[in-house]
Amino acid sequence: MANQGQSADRGLEGLTAAAKSAVNADGAKKGLPPVHLWNPPFCGDLDIRIASDGTWFYLGTPIGRPALVRLFSTILKREGDKHFLVTPVEKVGIRVDDAPFMAVEMQKDGEGSQRVLRFRTNVDDWVTCDAAHRLRFEQAQDGGLTPYLHVRADLWAKVTRALYYDLVDMGEERMVDGRPMFGVESAGEFFAMADAEQVRAAL
């Protein structure tokens, strides 16, 4: 599904060159280019897919260059339910099976009300879990919960199952809007996972 009128390889190579140029021009100081300020014309879809485990595919083949995946991740933008790779001059659609990022490592500083959790994504961004970068928990197909961490600008990271168990281990019950909820605290914010009674029944 590359742009019509040009080969898929040219589409990827052109996007790579444009992304490098944009990142070098606008993102050198703060690490991420200002994609929220860019509104280029839509140039069609490119056959890039981010699988539910965070693997990037191009034409059905995994992209084996971490530096290229990292580059593309910096120009990722979400509009509604669709994801795009954006430069100042073009916007191409890609497919995202679940969340575009995976949270693969967690650091914990402090305990209780002083606890601060930081997560590393699969593209080596570190995100502090706080009021601006919240955890949310969705019902999984197996009946459990799947946590997601807000990374930036409506882009989320799915938290790995191993880290989810770590979150459960440090969880606690609190009253939220008059209901006992089970959740975890970070940076002074309490992130509710589920109804406490349901959690107790499942244990």
N, C-alpha and C. Protein backbone atom coordinates (compact mmCIF):
# COMPACT_ATOMS: atom_id res chain seq x y z
N MET A 1 0.83 -1.21 0.00
CA MET A 1 0.00 0.00 0.00
C MET A 1 0.86 1.25 0.00
N ALA A 2 1.87 1.26 -0.78
CA ALA A 2 2.71 2.45 -0.88
C ALA A 2 1.98 3.51 -1.68
N ASN A 3 2.53 4.69 -1.70
CA ASN A 3 1.94 5.77 -2.47
C ASN A 3 1.81 5.36 -3.93
N GLN A 4 0.69 5.70 -4.53
CA GLN A 4 0.48 5.37 -5.92
C GLN A 4 1.46 6.13 -6.79
N GLY A 5 1.99 5.46 -7.80
CA GLY A 5 2.85 6.14 -8.76
C GLY A 5 4.32 6.09 -8.41
N GLN A 6 4.65 5.44 -7.30
CA GLN A 6 6.06 5.29 -6.97
C GLN A 6 6.26 3.95 -6.30
N SER A 7 7.45 3.44 -6.35
CA SER A 7 7.70 2.14 -5.76
C SER A 7 7.65 2.22 -4.25
N ALA A 8 7.40 1.06 -3.61
CA ALA A 8 7.37 1.02 -2.16
C ALA A 8 8.71 1.41 -1.58
N ASP A 9 9.79 0.94 -2.22
CA ASP A 9 11.12 1.27 -1.71
C ASP A 9 11.37 2.77 -1.74
N ARG A 10 10.99 3.40 -2.83
CA ARG A 10 11.17 4.85 -2.90
C ARG A 10 10.35 5.54 -1.83
N GLY A 11 9.13 5.03 -1.54
CA GLY A 11 8.31 5.63 -0.51
C GLY A 11 8.98 5.57 0.85
N LEU A 12 9.55 4.43 1.19
CA LEU A 12 10.21 4.27 2.48
C LEU A 12 11.49 5.09 2.52
N GLU A 13 12.28 5.03 1.46
CA GLU A 13 13.53 5.78 1.44
C GLU A 13 13.28 7.27 1.49
N GLY A 14 12.28 7.73 0.76
CA GLY A 14 11.96 9.15 0.79
C GLY A 14 11.50 9.60 2.16
N LEU A 15 10.68 8.77 2.79
CA LEU A 15 10.20 9.11 4.12
C LEU A 15 11.35 9.12 5.12
N THR A 16 12.25 8.16 5.00
CA THR A 16 13.40 8.11 5.89
C THR A 16 14.25 9.37 5.76
N ALA A 17 14.51 9.78 4.53
CA ALA A 17 15.31 10.99 4.30
C ALA A 17 14.61 12.22 4.86
N ALA A 18 13.30 12.31 4.62
CA ALA A 18 12.54 13.47 5.12
C ALA A 18 12.50 13.48 6.64
N ALA A 19 12.36 12.29 7.24
CA ALA A 19 12.32 12.20 8.70
C ALA A 19 13.65 12.64 9.30
N LYS A 20 14.75 12.16 8.72
CA LYS A 20 16.07 12.56 9.22
C LYS A 20 16.26 14.06 9.13
N SER A 21 15.84 14.62 8.01
CA SER A 21 15.99 16.06 7.82
C SER A 21 15.16 16.83 8.84
N ALA A 22 13.92 16.36 9.07
CA ALA A 22 13.04 17.05 10.01
C ALA A 22 13.57 16.96 11.43
N VAL A 23 14.02 15.77 11.83
CA VAL A 23 14.52 15.59 13.18
C VAL A 23 15.78 16.43 13.40
N ASN A 24 16.67 16.46 12.41
CA ASN A 24 17.90 17.24 12.54
C ASN A 24 17.60 18.73 12.62
N ALA A 25 16.57 19.17 11.89
CA ALA A 25 16.26 20.60 11.85
C ALA A 25 15.50 21.06 13.08
N ASP A 26 14.54 20.24 13.54
CA ASP A 26 13.63 20.71 14.58
C ASP A 26 13.77 20.00 15.91
N GLY A 27 14.37 18.82 15.93
CA GLY A 27 14.38 18.06 17.17
C GLY A 27 15.74 17.90 17.80
N ALA A 28 16.75 18.58 17.29
CA ALA A 28 18.11 18.34 17.78
C ALA A 28 18.25 18.72 19.25
N LYS A 29 17.57 19.79 19.66
CA LYS A 29 17.76 20.28 21.02
C LYS A 29 16.95 19.48 22.03
N LYS A 30 15.70 19.20 21.72
CA LYS A 30 14.83 18.56 22.71
C LYS A 30 14.54 17.10 22.40
N GLY A 31 15.11 16.58 21.33
CA GLY A 31 15.01 15.16 21.09
C GLY A 31 13.82 14.72 20.25
N LEU A 32 12.73 15.48 20.26
CA LEU A 32 11.55 15.12 19.48
C LEU A 32 11.12 16.30 18.62
N PRO A 33 10.88 16.07 17.35
CA PRO A 33 10.43 17.16 16.49
C PRO A 33 8.99 17.55 16.80
N PRO A 34 8.60 18.79 16.48
CA PRO A 34 7.25 19.29 16.82
C PRO A 34 6.19 18.84 15.81
N VAL A 35 5.89 17.54 15.82
CA VAL A 35 4.95 17.02 14.83
C VAL A 35 3.56 17.65 14.99
N HIS A 36 3.24 18.12 16.20
CA HIS A 36 1.92 18.73 16.42
C HIS A 36 1.76 20.04 15.66
N LEU A 37 2.87 20.61 15.22
CA LEU A 37 2.81 21.88 14.48
C LEU A 37 2.76 21.65 12.97
N TRP A 38 2.94 20.42 12.55
CA TRP A 38 3.00 20.13 11.12
C TRP A 38 1.65 19.66 10.60
N ASN A 39 1.23 20.20 9.48
CA ASN A 39 -0.03 19.80 8.86
C ASN A 39 0.16 19.67 7.35
N PRO A 40 1.00 18.73 6.93
CA PRO A 40 1.27 18.57 5.50
C PRO A 40 0.14 17.81 4.81
N PRO A 41 0.14 17.77 3.49
CA PRO A 41 -0.90 17.02 2.77
C PRO A 41 -0.73 15.52 2.97
N PHE A 42 -1.86 14.82 2.96
CA PHE A 42 -1.86 13.36 3.07
C PHE A 42 -1.39 12.77 1.75
N CYS A 43 -0.40 11.87 1.84
CA CYS A 43 0.21 11.31 0.64
C CYS A 43 -0.12 9.83 0.45
N GLY A 44 -1.14 9.34 1.13
CA GLY A 44 -1.51 7.94 0.99
C GLY A 44 -0.97 7.08 2.11
N ASP A 45 -1.20 5.79 2.00
CA ASP A 45 -0.76 4.84 3.01
C ASP A 45 0.54 4.17 2.58
N LEU A 46 1.36 3.85 3.58
CA LEU A 46 2.57 3.09 3.36
C LEU A 46 2.41 1.77 4.11
N ASP A 47 2.88 0.68 3.53
CA ASP A 47 2.68 -0.63 4.14
C ASP A 47 3.63 -0.83 5.32
N ILE A 48 3.37 -0.04 6.36
CA ILE A 48 4.07 -0.18 7.64
C ILE A 48 3.02 -0.54 8.69
N ARG A 49 3.35 -1.55 9.49
CA ARG A 49 2.42 -1.99 10.54
C ARG A 49 3.19 -2.16 11.84
N ILE A 50 2.60 -1.66 12.91
CA ILE A 50 3.14 -1.89 14.25
C ILE A 50 2.28 -2.97 14.90
N ALA A 51 2.89 -4.12 15.14
CA ALA A 51 2.17 -5.26 15.71
C ALA A 51 1.89 -5.01 17.19
N SER A 52 1.05 -5.87 17.75
CA SER A 52 0.64 -5.69 19.14
C SER A 52 1.79 -5.88 20.13
N ASP A 53 2.88 -6.51 19.69
CA ASP A 53 4.05 -6.65 20.56
C ASP A 53 5.08 -5.55 20.34
N GLY A 54 4.71 -4.53 19.56
CA GLY A 54 5.59 -3.39 19.33
C GLY A 54 6.54 -3.52 18.16
N THR A 55 6.52 -4.67 17.46
CA THR A 55 7.40 -4.87 16.30
C THR A 55 6.88 -4.08 15.11
N TRP A 56 7.79 -3.38 14.44
CA TRP A 56 7.45 -2.63 13.22
C TRP A 56 7.72 -3.52 12.00
N PHE A 57 6.75 -3.56 11.10
CA PHE A 57 6.87 -4.33 9.86
C PHE A 57 6.77 -3.40 8.66
N TYR A 58 7.55 -3.71 7.64
CA TYR A 58 7.46 -3.01 6.36
C TYR A 58 7.30 -4.06 5.27
N LEU A 59 6.22 -3.96 4.51
CA LEU A 59 5.89 -4.96 3.49
C LEU A 59 5.87 -6.38 4.07
N GLY A 60 5.39 -6.49 5.32
CA GLY A 60 5.26 -7.78 5.97
C GLY A 60 6.52 -8.31 6.60
N THR A 61 7.62 -7.59 6.50
CA THR A 61 8.91 -8.03 7.05
C THR A 61 9.30 -7.13 8.22
N PRO A 62 9.73 -7.70 9.34
CA PRO A 62 10.15 -6.87 10.48
C PRO A 62 11.27 -5.91 10.08
N ILE A 63 11.16 -4.68 10.57
CA ILE A 63 12.23 -3.70 10.36
C ILE A 63 13.31 -4.00 11.40
N GLY A 64 14.44 -4.49 10.93
CA GLY A 64 15.48 -4.97 11.82
C GLY A 64 16.47 -3.93 12.28
N ARG A 65 16.24 -2.68 11.92
CA ARG A 65 17.17 -1.60 12.29
C ARG A 65 16.55 -0.77 13.41
N PRO A 66 16.98 -0.98 14.65
CA PRO A 66 16.40 -0.21 15.76
C PRO A 66 16.48 1.29 15.57
N ALA A 67 17.56 1.77 14.94
CA ALA A 67 17.70 3.21 14.74
C ALA A 67 16.62 3.75 13.81
N LEU A 68 16.22 2.95 12.81
CA LEU A 68 15.18 3.38 11.89
C LEU A 68 13.81 3.39 12.58
N VAL A 69 13.56 2.36 13.39
CA VAL A 69 12.31 2.33 14.17
C VAL A 69 12.26 3.52 15.11
N ARG A 70 13.37 3.81 15.77
CA ARG A 70 13.43 4.96 16.67
C ARG A 70 13.14 6.26 15.91
N LEU A 71 13.75 6.40 14.73
CA LEU A 71 13.53 7.59 13.92
C LEU A 71 12.05 7.76 13.58
N PHE A 72 11.44 6.69 13.07
CA PHE A 72 10.02 6.77 12.70
C PHE A 72 9.15 7.05 13.92
N SER A 73 9.53 6.52 15.08
CA SER A 73 8.71 6.74 16.27
C SER A 73 8.64 8.21 16.67
N THR A 74 9.67 8.97 16.30
CA THR A 74 9.70 10.39 16.67
C THR A 74 8.80 11.24 15.79
N ILE A 75 8.35 10.70 14.65
CA ILE A 75 7.47 11.48 13.76
C ILE A 75 6.09 10.83 13.69
N LEU A 76 5.76 10.05 14.70
CA LEU A 76 4.48 9.38 14.75
C LEU A 76 3.42 10.34 15.30
N LYS A 77 2.24 10.29 14.68
CA LYS A 77 1.15 11.18 15.08
C LYS A 77 -0.17 10.42 15.00
N ARG A 78 -1.03 10.68 15.94
CA ARG A 78 -2.35 10.05 15.94
C ARG A 78 -3.42 11.10 15.73
N GLU A 79 -4.34 10.80 14.83
CA GLU A 79 -5.50 11.66 14.58
C GLU A 79 -6.73 10.77 14.61
N GLY A 80 -7.54 10.91 15.65
CA GLY A 80 -8.68 10.03 15.82
C GLY A 80 -8.20 8.62 16.09
N ASP A 81 -8.67 7.67 15.29
CA ASP A 81 -8.26 6.28 15.46
C ASP A 81 -7.15 5.88 14.50
N LYS A 82 -6.61 6.83 13.76
CA LYS A 82 -5.61 6.52 12.75
C LYS A 82 -4.25 7.07 13.16
N HIS A 83 -3.21 6.38 12.70
CA HIS A 83 -1.84 6.79 12.98
C HIS A 83 -1.14 7.15 11.67
N PHE A 84 -0.25 8.13 11.77
CA PHE A 84 0.48 8.63 10.60
C PHE A 84 1.93 8.87 10.97
N LEU A 85 2.79 8.78 9.95
CA LEU A 85 4.14 9.30 10.04
C LEU A 85 4.15 10.63 9.32
N VAL A 86 4.64 11.66 10.01
CA VAL A 86 4.48 13.03 9.52
C VAL A 86 5.83 13.74 9.46
N THR A 87 6.07 14.43 8.36
CA THR A 87 7.18 15.36 8.23
C THR A 87 6.58 16.71 7.84
N PRO A 88 7.38 17.76 7.76
CA PRO A 88 6.80 19.05 7.37
C PRO A 88 6.19 19.05 5.97
N VAL A 89 6.54 18.05 5.13
CA VAL A 89 6.08 18.09 3.74
C VAL A 89 5.16 16.95 3.35
N GLU A 90 5.02 15.91 4.19
CA GLU A 90 4.17 14.80 3.81
C GLU A 90 3.63 14.07 5.04
N LYS A 91 2.51 13.39 4.84
CA LYS A 91 1.89 12.58 5.89
C LYS A 91 1.42 11.27 5.26
N VAL A 92 1.89 10.15 5.81
CA VAL A 92 1.50 8.85 5.29
C VAL A 92 0.86 8.04 6.40
N GLY A 93 -0.16 7.26 6.03
CA GLY A 93 -0.86 6.44 7.00
C GLY A 93 -0.16 5.11 7.23
N ILE A 94 -0.18 4.64 8.46
CA ILE A 94 0.34 3.32 8.80
C ILE A 94 -0.70 2.60 9.64
N ARG A 95 -0.50 1.30 9.86
CA ARG A 95 -1.43 0.52 10.67
C ARG A 95 -0.81 0.22 12.03
N VAL A 96 -1.62 0.33 13.07
CA VAL A 96 -1.19 0.02 14.43
C VAL A 96 -2.20 -0.97 15.01
N ASP A 97 -1.73 -2.18 15.32
CA ASP A 97 -2.64 -3.22 15.78
C ASP A 97 -3.23 -2.92 17.15
N ASP A 98 -2.44 -2.33 18.04
CA ASP A 98 -2.92 -2.04 19.40
C ASP A 98 -2.41 -0.67 19.80
N ALA A 99 -1.31 -0.61 20.54
CA ALA A 99 -0.66 0.65 20.88
C ALA A 99 0.65 0.74 20.10
N PRO A 100 1.09 1.95 19.77
CA PRO A 100 2.32 2.07 18.97
C PRO A 100 3.59 1.76 19.74
N PHE A 101 3.54 1.82 21.07
CA PHE A 101 4.72 1.57 21.87
C PHE A 101 4.47 0.45 22.87
N MET A 102 5.56 -0.10 23.38
CA MET A 102 5.51 -1.05 24.49
C MET A 102 6.32 -0.48 25.65
N ALA A 103 5.79 -0.58 26.87
CA ALA A 103 6.55 -0.24 28.06
C ALA A 103 7.22 -1.52 28.54
N VAL A 104 8.55 -1.58 28.45
CA VAL A 104 9.28 -2.83 28.63
C VAL A 104 10.14 -2.86 29.89
N GLU A 105 10.28 -1.73 30.56
CA GLU A 105 11.09 -1.69 31.78
C GLU A 105 10.49 -0.67 32.72
N MET A 106 10.59 -0.93 34.02
CA MET A 106 10.03 0.00 35.01
C MET A 106 11.04 0.23 36.12
N GLN A 107 11.18 1.47 36.53
CA GLN A 107 11.98 1.84 37.69
C GLN A 107 11.07 2.43 38.75
N LYS A 108 11.32 2.08 40.00
CA LYS A 108 10.51 2.58 41.11
C LYS A 108 11.41 3.33 42.08
N ASP A 109 11.03 4.56 42.39
CA ASP A 109 11.72 5.35 43.40
C ASP A 109 10.73 5.68 44.52
N GLY A 110 11.10 5.37 45.75
CA GLY A 110 10.24 5.68 46.88
C GLY A 110 9.14 4.65 47.09
N GLU A 111 8.37 4.85 48.17
CA GLU A 111 7.27 3.96 48.52
C GLU A 111 6.03 4.77 48.86
N GLY A 112 4.88 4.13 48.77
CA GLY A 112 3.63 4.76 49.17
C GLY A 112 3.37 6.06 48.44
N SER A 113 3.06 7.11 49.20
CA SER A 113 2.74 8.40 48.59
C SER A 113 3.95 9.07 47.96
N GLN A 114 5.15 8.56 48.27
CA GLN A 114 6.37 9.12 47.68
C GLN A 114 6.83 8.35 46.45
N ARG A 115 6.09 7.33 46.07
CA ARG A 115 6.52 6.48 44.96
C ARG A 115 6.41 7.22 43.63
N VAL A 116 7.44 7.04 42.82
CA VAL A 116 7.43 7.54 41.44
C VAL A 116 7.86 6.39 40.53
N LEU A 117 7.02 6.09 39.56
CA LEU A 117 7.31 5.03 38.60
C LEU A 117 7.73 5.64 37.27
N ARG A 118 8.79 5.09 36.71
CA ARG A 118 9.26 5.51 35.40
C ARG A 118 9.34 4.29 34.50
N PHE A 119 8.90 4.46 33.26
CA PHE A 119 8.85 3.36 32.32
C PHE A 119 9.72 3.67 31.11
N ARG A 120 10.41 2.64 30.63
CA ARG A 120 11.16 2.74 29.37
C ARG A 120 10.38 2.04 28.28
N THR A 121 10.23 2.71 27.15
CA THR A 121 9.52 2.12 26.02
C THR A 121 10.49 1.32 25.15
N ASN A 122 9.93 0.59 24.22
CA ASN A 122 10.74 -0.22 23.30
C ASN A 122 11.56 0.63 22.33
N VAL A 123 11.34 1.94 22.29
CA VAL A 123 12.17 2.82 21.47
C VAL A 123 13.04 3.73 22.36
N ASP A 124 13.22 3.29 23.62
CA ASP A 124 14.15 3.92 24.57
C ASP A 124 13.74 5.32 25.01
N ASP A 125 12.46 5.60 25.04
CA ASP A 125 11.97 6.80 25.70
C ASP A 125 11.67 6.45 27.16
N TRP A 126 12.05 7.33 28.07
CA TRP A 126 11.69 7.17 29.48
C TRP A 126 10.52 8.09 29.80
N VAL A 127 9.49 7.55 30.41
CA VAL A 127 8.27 8.29 30.71
C VAL A 127 7.96 8.15 32.19
N THR A 128 7.82 9.27 32.89
CA THR A 128 7.42 9.25 34.29
C THR A 128 5.91 9.17 34.38
N CYS A 129 5.42 8.21 35.13
CA CYS A 129 3.98 8.04 35.31
C CYS A 129 3.49 9.08 36.30
N ASP A 130 2.68 10.02 35.81
CA ASP A 130 2.18 11.11 36.65
C ASP A 130 0.85 11.60 36.09
N ALA A 131 0.41 12.76 36.53
CA ALA A 131 -0.89 13.27 36.10
C ALA A 131 -0.94 13.52 34.59
N ALA A 132 0.20 13.84 33.98
CA ALA A 132 0.24 14.10 32.55
C ALA A 132 0.49 12.85 31.73
N HIS A 133 0.96 11.81 32.38
CA HIS A 133 1.28 10.54 31.70
C HIS A 133 0.66 9.42 32.53
N ARG A 134 -0.61 9.21 32.31
CA ARG A 134 -1.41 8.36 33.18
C ARG A 134 -1.37 6.89 32.76
N LEU A 135 -1.65 6.04 33.73
CA LEU A 135 -1.90 4.64 33.47
C LEU A 135 -3.41 4.42 33.32
N ARG A 136 -3.80 3.64 32.35
CA ARG A 136 -5.19 3.19 32.25
C ARG A 136 -5.19 1.68 32.08
N PHE A 137 -6.27 1.06 32.50
CA PHE A 137 -6.35 -0.40 32.49
C PHE A 137 -7.60 -0.81 31.73
N GLU A 138 -7.42 -1.67 30.74
CA GLU A 138 -8.53 -2.14 29.92
C GLU A 138 -8.70 -3.65 30.08
N GLN A 139 -9.94 -4.09 29.93
CA GLN A 139 -10.24 -5.51 30.03
C GLN A 139 -9.58 -6.26 28.88
N ALA A 140 -8.85 -7.32 29.22
CA ALA A 140 -8.19 -8.13 28.21
C ALA A 140 -9.08 -9.30 27.80
N GLN A 141 -8.78 -9.89 26.67
CA GLN A 141 -9.59 -10.99 26.17
C GLN A 141 -9.57 -12.19 27.10
N ASP A 142 -8.50 -12.36 27.86
CA ASP A 142 -8.41 -13.51 28.76
C ASP A 142 -9.08 -13.24 30.11
N GLY A 143 -9.76 -12.10 30.22
CA GLY A 143 -10.45 -11.76 31.45
C GLY A 143 -9.63 -10.93 32.41
N GLY A 144 -8.34 -10.81 32.15
CA GLY A 144 -7.49 -9.99 33.00
C GLY A 144 -7.52 -8.53 32.57
N LEU A 145 -6.50 -7.80 32.95
CA LEU A 145 -6.40 -6.39 32.61
C LEU A 145 -5.13 -6.14 31.81
N THR A 146 -5.21 -5.18 30.90
CA THR A 146 -4.04 -4.74 30.14
C THR A 146 -3.78 -3.28 30.47
N PRO A 147 -2.61 -2.95 31.02
CA PRO A 147 -2.31 -1.56 31.33
C PRO A 147 -1.71 -0.84 30.12
N TYR A 148 -2.02 0.44 30.03
CA TYR A 148 -1.45 1.31 29.00
C TYR A 148 -0.95 2.58 29.68
N LEU A 149 0.18 3.08 29.21
CA LEU A 149 0.78 4.30 29.73
C LEU A 149 0.74 5.38 28.66
N HIS A 150 0.26 6.57 29.03
CA HIS A 150 0.25 7.67 28.08
C HIS A 150 1.67 8.19 27.88
N VAL A 151 2.13 8.19 26.65
CA VAL A 151 3.49 8.63 26.34
C VAL A 151 3.50 10.11 25.95
N ARG A 152 2.72 10.45 24.94
CA ARG A 152 2.62 11.85 24.50
C ARG A 152 1.54 11.97 23.45
N ALA A 153 0.85 13.09 23.44
CA ALA A 153 -0.04 13.48 22.35
C ALA A 153 -0.93 12.34 21.85
N ASP A 154 -1.65 11.70 22.75
CA ASP A 154 -2.58 10.63 22.41
C ASP A 154 -1.87 9.38 21.88
N LEU A 155 -0.61 9.23 22.17
CA LEU A 155 0.13 8.01 21.85
C LEU A 155 0.38 7.24 23.14
N TRP A 156 0.10 5.94 23.11
CA TRP A 156 0.15 5.12 24.31
C TRP A 156 1.13 3.97 24.15
N ALA A 157 1.59 3.49 25.29
CA ALA A 157 2.44 2.30 25.33
C ALA A 157 1.70 1.21 26.10
N LYS A 158 1.66 0.02 25.52
CA LYS A 158 1.10 -1.12 26.25
C LYS A 158 2.17 -1.65 27.21
N VAL A 159 1.78 -1.84 28.46
CA VAL A 159 2.71 -2.32 29.48
C VAL A 159 2.79 -3.84 29.40
N THR A 160 4.01 -4.36 29.43
CA THR A 160 4.19 -5.81 29.30
C THR A 160 3.51 -6.54 30.46
N ARG A 161 3.21 -7.82 30.22
CA ARG A 161 2.55 -8.64 31.23
C ARG A 161 3.40 -8.74 32.50
N ALA A 162 4.71 -8.87 32.35
CA ALA A 162 5.59 -8.96 33.52
C ALA A 162 5.51 -7.70 34.38
N LEU A 163 5.50 -6.54 33.74
CA LEU A 163 5.41 -5.29 34.49
C LEU A 163 4.02 -5.11 35.10
N TYR A 164 3.00 -5.63 34.43
CA TYR A 164 1.65 -5.59 34.99
C TYR A 164 1.61 -6.33 36.33
N TYR A 165 2.24 -7.49 36.39
CA TYR A 165 2.29 -8.24 37.65
C TYR A 165 3.03 -7.45 38.72
N ASP A 166 4.08 -6.72 38.33
CA ASP A 166 4.78 -5.87 39.29
C ASP A 166 3.86 -4.77 39.82
N LEU A 167 3.03 -4.21 38.95
CA LEU A 167 2.09 -3.17 39.37
C LEU A 167 1.06 -3.75 40.35
N VAL A 168 0.58 -4.96 40.05
CA VAL A 168 -0.38 -5.60 40.95
C VAL A 168 0.24 -5.84 42.32
N ASP A 169 1.51 -6.25 42.35
CA ASP A 169 2.18 -6.53 43.62
C ASP A 169 2.28 -5.28 44.49
N MET A 170 2.39 -4.11 43.89
CA MET A 170 2.50 -2.89 44.69
C MET A 170 1.15 -2.17 44.82
N GLY A 171 0.08 -2.81 44.36
CA GLY A 171 -1.24 -2.19 44.40
C GLY A 171 -1.84 -2.14 45.80
N GLU A 172 -2.88 -1.33 45.93
CA GLU A 172 -3.56 -1.13 47.21
C GLU A 172 -5.01 -0.72 46.96
N GLU A 173 -5.81 -0.82 48.00
CA GLU A 173 -7.21 -0.40 47.91
C GLU A 173 -7.37 1.03 48.40
N ARG A 174 -8.20 1.78 47.66
CA ARG A 174 -8.54 3.14 48.07
C ARG A 174 -9.98 3.42 47.65
N MET A 175 -10.57 4.36 48.34
CA MET A 175 -11.91 4.79 47.96
C MET A 175 -11.80 5.82 46.84
N VAL A 176 -12.49 5.57 45.74
CA VAL A 176 -12.53 6.48 44.60
C VAL A 176 -13.99 6.75 44.26
N ASP A 177 -14.42 7.99 44.46
CA ASP A 177 -15.83 8.36 44.20
C ASP A 177 -16.78 7.45 44.96
N GLY A 178 -16.42 7.15 46.21
CA GLY A 178 -17.29 6.36 47.05
C GLY A 178 -17.23 4.87 46.83
N ARG A 179 -16.32 4.40 45.97
CA ARG A 179 -16.21 2.97 45.69
C ARG A 179 -14.81 2.49 46.05
N PRO A 180 -14.70 1.31 46.66
CA PRO A 180 -13.37 0.76 46.93
C PRO A 180 -12.74 0.27 45.62
N MET A 181 -11.59 0.84 45.29
CA MET A 181 -10.90 0.49 44.05
C MET A 181 -9.50 -0.01 44.36
N PHE A 182 -9.03 -0.93 43.54
CA PHE A 182 -7.67 -1.43 43.64
C PHE A 182 -6.83 -0.74 42.57
N GLY A 183 -5.67 -0.22 42.95
CA GLY A 183 -4.85 0.48 41.98
C GLY A 183 -3.45 0.71 42.50
N VAL A 184 -2.73 1.59 41.84
CA VAL A 184 -1.34 1.85 42.18
C VAL A 184 -1.09 3.36 42.13
N GLU A 185 -0.21 3.83 43.00
CA GLU A 185 0.10 5.25 43.06
C GLU A 185 1.46 5.53 42.45
N SER A 186 1.56 6.68 41.77
CA SER A 186 2.83 7.18 41.26
C SER A 186 2.76 8.69 41.16
N ALA A 187 3.79 9.36 41.64
CA ALA A 187 3.91 10.82 41.55
C ALA A 187 2.67 11.52 42.11
N GLY A 188 2.13 10.99 43.20
CA GLY A 188 0.99 11.62 43.85
C GLY A 188 -0.35 11.36 43.22
N GLU A 189 -0.40 10.52 42.19
CA GLU A 189 -1.66 10.19 41.52
C GLU A 189 -1.98 8.71 41.75
N PHE A 190 -3.28 8.43 41.98
CA PHE A 190 -3.72 7.05 42.14
C PHE A 190 -4.40 6.60 40.86
N PHE A 191 -3.91 5.49 40.31
CA PHE A 191 -4.44 4.97 39.05
C PHE A 191 -5.19 3.67 39.35
N ALA A 192 -6.51 3.75 39.27
CA ALA A 192 -7.36 2.61 39.62
C ALA A 192 -7.31 1.55 38.53
N MET A 193 -7.14 0.31 38.96
CA MET A 193 -7.13 -0.81 38.02
C MET A 193 -8.52 -1.42 37.86
N ALA A 194 -9.15 -1.72 39.01
CA ALA A 194 -10.43 -2.43 38.97
C ALA A 194 -11.14 -2.28 40.30
N ASP A 195 -12.40 -2.66 40.34
CA ASP A 195 -13.17 -2.68 41.56
C ASP A 195 -12.50 -3.61 42.57
N ALA A 196 -12.30 -3.12 43.78
CA ALA A 196 -11.55 -3.89 44.78
C ALA A 196 -12.22 -5.21 45.09
N GLU A 197 -13.55 -5.25 45.13
CA GLU A 197 -14.25 -6.48 45.45
C GLU A 197 -14.02 -7.53 44.37
N GLN A 198 -13.98 -7.10 43.10
CA GLN A 198 -13.70 -8.04 42.03
C GLN A 198 -12.28 -8.58 42.13
N VAL A 199 -11.36 -7.73 42.53
CA VAL A 199 -9.98 -8.18 42.68
C VAL A 199 -9.88 -9.20 43.80
N ARG A 200 -10.53 -8.92 44.93
CA ARG A 200 -10.49 -9.86 46.06
C ARG A 200 -11.11 -11.20 45.68
N ALA A 201 -12.18 -11.17 44.89
CA ALA A 201 -12.84 -12.40 44.49
C ALA A 201 -11.98 -13.22 43.56
N ALA A 202 -11.11 -12.54 42.80
CA ALA A 202 -10.27 -13.24 41.84
C ALA A 202 -9.04 -13.87 42.48
N LEU A 203 -8.71 -13.40 43.69
CA LEU A 203 -7.51 -13.90 44.36
C LEU A 203 -7.77 -15.25 45.05
